[in-house]
Amino acid sequence: MTDQEKNEVLAGFAGFSRGVASGWLAPAVEGKAWGPVALPDFMHSLDALNKWCFQKVRDEFGEEGWARVFKALSDSFLSLNPFGKKMAEACAEAILSLIGEDDG
């Protein structure tokens, strides 16, 4: 799966949807609907993951799921990650594995 495909899977998990002709639509936040938006770069941005995905991981997978994501974050920070992935990519891969969309 390419990074773009992974990013689109993460976008779906975060609640984004494809508009008919207008690109991606962000999920409504606090009852306020958003128009077409540029898709965040979930694979390379901890800010995007924090804003759109981390709380959903906690809500849907509980502390065990969050622990897996946090371990990926801390391992990559401490350079213990065997693949040498950057922190955002390591977290994104952990989320993909939780939702069953990982490559392995």
N, C-alpha and C. Protein backbone atom coordinates (compact mmCIF):
# COMPACT_ATOMS: atom_id res chain seq x y z
N MET A 1 0.85 -1.17 0.00
CA MET A 1 0.00 0.00 0.00
C MET A 1 0.90 1.24 0.00
N THR A 2 0.60 2.20 -0.86
CA THR A 2 1.41 3.42 -0.93
C THR A 2 1.08 4.34 0.25
N ASP A 3 1.95 5.32 0.47
CA ASP A 3 1.68 6.30 1.53
C ASP A 3 0.37 7.04 1.28
N GLN A 4 0.07 7.34 0.02
CA GLN A 4 -1.18 8.03 -0.31
C GLN A 4 -2.39 7.16 0.05
N GLU A 5 -2.31 5.88 -0.27
CA GLU A 5 -3.41 4.97 0.07
C GLU A 5 -3.56 4.84 1.59
N LYS A 6 -2.44 4.74 2.28
CA LYS A 6 -2.49 4.68 3.74
C LYS A 6 -3.10 5.96 4.30
N ASN A 7 -2.70 7.10 3.73
CA ASN A 7 -3.23 8.38 4.18
C ASN A 7 -4.75 8.44 4.00
N GLU A 8 -5.24 7.90 2.89
CA GLU A 8 -6.68 7.89 2.64
C GLU A 8 -7.42 6.97 3.61
N VAL A 9 -6.80 5.84 3.97
CA VAL A 9 -7.41 4.94 4.96
C VAL A 9 -7.48 5.65 6.31
N LEU A 10 -6.40 6.31 6.69
CA LEU A 10 -6.39 7.06 7.95
C LEU A 10 -7.42 8.19 7.92
N ALA A 11 -7.59 8.83 6.78
CA ALA A 11 -8.59 9.88 6.64
C ALA A 11 -9.99 9.32 6.88
N GLY A 12 -10.26 8.16 6.31
CA GLY A 12 -11.56 7.52 6.53
C GLY A 12 -11.77 7.18 7.99
N PHE A 13 -10.73 6.67 8.65
CA PHE A 13 -10.81 6.37 10.07
C PHE A 13 -11.11 7.63 10.88
N ALA A 14 -10.50 8.74 10.48
CA ALA A 14 -10.68 10.01 11.19
C ALA A 14 -12.05 10.64 10.93
N GLY A 15 -12.78 10.13 9.93
CA GLY A 15 -14.12 10.66 9.67
C GLY A 15 -14.23 11.50 8.42
N PHE A 16 -13.15 11.62 7.66
CA PHE A 16 -13.21 12.36 6.40
C PHE A 16 -13.98 11.52 5.38
N SER A 17 -14.60 12.18 4.45
CA SER A 17 -15.31 11.47 3.38
C SER A 17 -15.03 12.16 2.05
N ARG A 18 -15.17 11.39 1.00
CA ARG A 18 -14.95 11.96 -0.34
C ARG A 18 -16.21 12.69 -0.78
N GLY A 19 -16.01 13.93 -1.22
CA GLY A 19 -17.11 14.67 -1.81
C GLY A 19 -17.32 14.20 -3.23
N VAL A 20 -18.44 14.53 -3.81
CA VAL A 20 -18.74 14.08 -5.17
C VAL A 20 -17.71 14.62 -6.15
N ALA A 21 -17.56 15.93 -6.22
CA ALA A 21 -16.59 16.50 -7.15
C ALA A 21 -15.66 17.47 -6.45
N SER A 22 -15.78 17.55 -5.15
CA SER A 22 -15.07 18.62 -4.45
C SER A 22 -13.91 18.14 -3.59
N GLY A 23 -13.45 16.93 -3.81
CA GLY A 23 -12.34 16.44 -3.00
C GLY A 23 -12.82 15.85 -1.69
N TRP A 24 -12.10 16.10 -0.62
CA TRP A 24 -12.38 15.51 0.69
C TRP A 24 -13.19 16.46 1.56
N LEU A 25 -14.09 15.90 2.34
CA LEU A 25 -14.89 16.67 3.29
C LEU A 25 -14.46 16.27 4.70
N ALA A 26 -14.17 17.26 5.52
CA ALA A 26 -13.77 16.99 6.90
C ALA A 26 -15.00 16.63 7.72
N PRO A 27 -14.80 15.86 8.78
CA PRO A 27 -15.94 15.55 9.65
C PRO A 27 -16.43 16.81 10.36
N ALA A 28 -17.71 16.82 10.68
CA ALA A 28 -18.26 17.95 11.42
C ALA A 28 -17.65 17.96 12.82
N VAL A 29 -17.29 19.13 13.29
CA VAL A 29 -16.71 19.29 14.62
C VAL A 29 -17.62 20.21 15.42
N GLU A 30 -18.08 19.73 16.56
CA GLU A 30 -18.98 20.48 17.42
C GLU A 30 -20.20 20.98 16.64
N GLY A 31 -20.73 20.12 15.79
CA GLY A 31 -21.92 20.46 15.04
C GLY A 31 -21.70 21.37 13.86
N LYS A 32 -20.47 21.82 13.64
CA LYS A 32 -20.17 22.73 12.53
C LYS A 32 -19.62 21.91 11.36
N ALA A 33 -20.34 21.92 10.25
CA ALA A 33 -19.88 21.19 9.06
C ALA A 33 -18.79 21.98 8.35
N TRP A 34 -17.87 21.28 7.77
CA TRP A 34 -16.79 21.90 7.02
C TRP A 34 -17.03 21.67 5.55
N GLY A 35 -16.53 22.56 4.73
CA GLY A 35 -16.60 22.36 3.29
C GLY A 35 -15.44 21.50 2.84
N PRO A 36 -15.19 21.50 1.54
CA PRO A 36 -14.05 20.73 1.01
C PRO A 36 -12.74 21.21 1.63
N VAL A 37 -11.89 20.26 1.93
CA VAL A 37 -10.60 20.58 2.57
C VAL A 37 -9.49 19.78 1.90
N ALA A 38 -8.27 20.27 2.07
CA ALA A 38 -7.10 19.49 1.67
C ALA A 38 -6.92 18.40 2.72
N LEU A 39 -6.66 17.22 2.28
CA LEU A 39 -6.49 16.09 3.19
C LEU A 39 -5.21 16.27 4.00
N PRO A 40 -5.27 16.16 5.33
CA PRO A 40 -4.05 16.25 6.13
C PRO A 40 -3.09 15.11 5.77
N ASP A 41 -1.83 15.33 6.00
CA ASP A 41 -0.81 14.32 5.73
C ASP A 41 -0.60 13.49 7.00
N PHE A 42 -1.50 12.53 7.20
CA PHE A 42 -1.46 11.72 8.41
C PHE A 42 -0.17 10.91 8.52
N MET A 43 0.40 10.50 7.41
CA MET A 43 1.60 9.65 7.44
C MET A 43 2.83 10.40 7.92
N HIS A 44 2.82 11.73 7.84
CA HIS A 44 4.03 12.48 8.15
C HIS A 44 3.81 13.64 9.11
N SER A 45 2.65 13.72 9.73
CA SER A 45 2.35 14.85 10.62
C SER A 45 1.75 14.38 11.94
N LEU A 46 2.52 14.53 13.01
CA LEU A 46 1.99 14.23 14.33
C LEU A 46 0.85 15.17 14.69
N ASP A 47 0.92 16.41 14.20
CA ASP A 47 -0.17 17.37 14.45
C ASP A 47 -1.49 16.86 13.89
N ALA A 48 -1.46 16.36 12.65
CA ALA A 48 -2.68 15.84 12.03
C ALA A 48 -3.19 14.61 12.78
N LEU A 49 -2.28 13.72 13.15
CA LEU A 49 -2.69 12.53 13.91
C LEU A 49 -3.29 12.92 15.25
N ASN A 50 -2.67 13.89 15.92
CA ASN A 50 -3.18 14.34 17.21
C ASN A 50 -4.56 14.97 17.06
N LYS A 51 -4.74 15.81 16.06
CA LYS A 51 -6.01 16.51 15.88
C LYS A 51 -7.15 15.56 15.49
N TRP A 52 -6.87 14.59 14.61
CA TRP A 52 -7.95 13.80 14.03
C TRP A 52 -8.01 12.34 14.46
N CYS A 53 -6.91 11.75 14.92
CA CYS A 53 -6.89 10.29 15.12
C CYS A 53 -6.67 9.81 16.54
N PHE A 54 -5.82 10.47 17.30
CA PHE A 54 -5.44 9.91 18.60
C PHE A 54 -6.63 9.71 19.53
N GLN A 55 -7.52 10.69 19.63
CA GLN A 55 -8.68 10.53 20.52
C GLN A 55 -9.59 9.42 20.03
N LYS A 56 -9.72 9.29 18.70
CA LYS A 56 -10.56 8.22 18.16
C LYS A 56 -9.95 6.85 18.48
N VAL A 57 -8.63 6.75 18.46
CA VAL A 57 -7.98 5.50 18.85
C VAL A 57 -8.34 5.17 20.29
N ARG A 58 -8.25 6.16 21.17
CA ARG A 58 -8.60 5.93 22.58
C ARG A 58 -10.06 5.52 22.72
N ASP A 59 -10.94 6.20 21.99
CA ASP A 59 -12.37 5.91 22.09
C ASP A 59 -12.72 4.52 21.56
N GLU A 60 -12.13 4.13 20.44
CA GLU A 60 -12.50 2.87 19.80
C GLU A 60 -11.72 1.65 20.28
N PHE A 61 -10.47 1.88 20.72
CA PHE A 61 -9.62 0.74 21.07
C PHE A 61 -9.18 0.76 22.53
N GLY A 62 -9.57 1.78 23.27
CA GLY A 62 -9.26 1.86 24.69
C GLY A 62 -7.79 2.06 24.97
N GLU A 63 -7.44 1.82 26.20
CA GLU A 63 -6.06 2.03 26.64
C GLU A 63 -5.08 1.08 25.96
N GLU A 64 -5.52 -0.14 25.65
CA GLU A 64 -4.63 -1.09 24.98
C GLU A 64 -4.24 -0.58 23.59
N GLY A 65 -5.22 -0.08 22.86
CA GLY A 65 -4.93 0.47 21.53
C GLY A 65 -4.05 1.70 21.61
N TRP A 66 -4.36 2.58 22.56
CA TRP A 66 -3.55 3.78 22.72
C TRP A 66 -2.12 3.41 23.13
N ALA A 67 -1.97 2.37 23.95
CA ALA A 67 -0.64 1.93 24.37
C ALA A 67 0.19 1.49 23.17
N ARG A 68 -0.43 0.82 22.21
CA ARG A 68 0.29 0.39 21.00
C ARG A 68 0.79 1.59 20.21
N VAL A 69 -0.06 2.61 20.08
CA VAL A 69 0.33 3.82 19.34
C VAL A 69 1.43 4.55 20.11
N PHE A 70 1.25 4.68 21.42
CA PHE A 70 2.24 5.38 22.23
C PHE A 70 3.58 4.65 22.22
N LYS A 71 3.55 3.31 22.23
CA LYS A 71 4.80 2.54 22.15
C LYS A 71 5.50 2.79 20.83
N ALA A 72 4.74 2.85 19.74
CA ALA A 72 5.35 3.15 18.43
C ALA A 72 5.99 4.54 18.45
N LEU A 73 5.31 5.48 19.08
CA LEU A 73 5.84 6.85 19.19
C LEU A 73 7.12 6.87 20.01
N SER A 74 7.08 6.25 21.18
CA SER A 74 8.25 6.28 22.04
C SER A 74 9.41 5.48 21.46
N ASP A 75 9.12 4.33 20.84
CA ASP A 75 10.20 3.55 20.22
C ASP A 75 10.88 4.33 19.10
N SER A 76 10.10 5.01 18.29
CA SER A 76 10.72 5.77 17.19
C SER A 76 11.50 6.96 17.74
N PHE A 77 11.00 7.56 18.81
CA PHE A 77 11.71 8.68 19.43
C PHE A 77 13.04 8.22 20.01
N LEU A 78 13.04 7.06 20.61
CA LEU A 78 14.26 6.53 21.23
C LEU A 78 15.11 5.72 20.26
N SER A 79 14.71 5.72 18.98
CA SER A 79 15.44 5.00 17.93
C SER A 79 15.52 3.50 18.17
N LEU A 80 14.53 2.94 18.85
CA LEU A 80 14.47 1.50 19.06
C LEU A 80 13.63 0.83 17.98
N ASN A 81 12.97 1.63 17.17
CA ASN A 81 12.13 1.10 16.11
C ASN A 81 13.02 0.39 15.09
N PRO A 82 12.78 -0.89 14.83
CA PRO A 82 13.67 -1.63 13.93
C PRO A 82 13.64 -1.12 12.50
N PHE A 83 12.62 -0.40 12.12
CA PHE A 83 12.54 0.09 10.75
C PHE A 83 13.03 1.53 10.63
N GLY A 84 13.42 2.15 11.74
CA GLY A 84 13.92 3.51 11.72
C GLY A 84 12.90 4.51 11.23
N LYS A 85 11.63 4.25 11.49
CA LYS A 85 10.59 5.13 10.99
C LYS A 85 10.52 6.41 11.81
N LYS A 86 10.08 7.46 11.16
CA LYS A 86 9.87 8.71 11.86
C LYS A 86 8.66 8.56 12.77
N MET A 87 8.54 9.44 13.73
CA MET A 87 7.51 9.31 14.75
C MET A 87 6.09 9.29 14.17
N ALA A 88 5.77 10.20 13.27
CA ALA A 88 4.41 10.23 12.71
C ALA A 88 4.13 8.97 11.91
N GLU A 89 5.10 8.54 11.12
CA GLU A 89 4.91 7.33 10.32
C GLU A 89 4.73 6.11 11.22
N ALA A 90 5.51 6.03 12.29
CA ALA A 90 5.38 4.90 13.22
C ALA A 90 4.00 4.88 13.87
N CYS A 91 3.51 6.05 14.28
CA CYS A 91 2.17 6.12 14.87
C CYS A 91 1.10 5.77 13.84
N ALA A 92 1.24 6.28 12.62
CA ALA A 92 0.27 5.99 11.57
C ALA A 92 0.22 4.49 11.28
N GLU A 93 1.39 3.86 11.22
CA GLU A 93 1.43 2.41 10.98
C GLU A 93 0.77 1.65 12.12
N ALA A 94 0.97 2.11 13.36
CA ALA A 94 0.33 1.46 14.51
C ALA A 94 -1.19 1.58 14.42
N ILE A 95 -1.68 2.75 14.02
CA ILE A 95 -3.13 2.93 13.86
C ILE A 95 -3.65 2.05 12.74
N LEU A 96 -2.92 1.99 11.63
CA LEU A 96 -3.34 1.13 10.52
C LEU A 96 -3.42 -0.33 10.97
N SER A 97 -2.48 -0.75 11.81
CA SER A 97 -2.53 -2.15 12.28
C SER A 97 -3.74 -2.37 13.19
N LEU A 98 -4.10 -1.36 13.98
CA LEU A 98 -5.27 -1.49 14.84
C LEU A 98 -6.56 -1.63 14.03
N ILE A 99 -6.64 -0.88 12.93
CA ILE A 99 -7.88 -0.91 12.14
C ILE A 99 -7.83 -1.99 11.05
N GLY A 100 -6.75 -2.79 11.06
CA GLY A 100 -6.66 -3.92 10.13
C GLY A 100 -6.29 -3.56 8.72
N GLU A 101 -5.58 -2.44 8.55
CA GLU A 101 -5.20 -2.01 7.21
C GLU A 101 -3.70 -1.92 7.04
N ASP A 102 -2.95 -2.66 7.84
CA ASP A 102 -1.50 -2.62 7.71
C ASP A 102 -1.06 -3.54 6.58
N ASP A 103 0.18 -3.34 6.17
CA ASP A 103 0.73 -4.13 5.05
C ASP A 103 1.08 -5.56 5.46
N GLY A 104 1.27 -5.78 6.75
CA GLY A 104 1.77 -7.08 7.15
C GLY A 104 0.82 -7.95 7.78
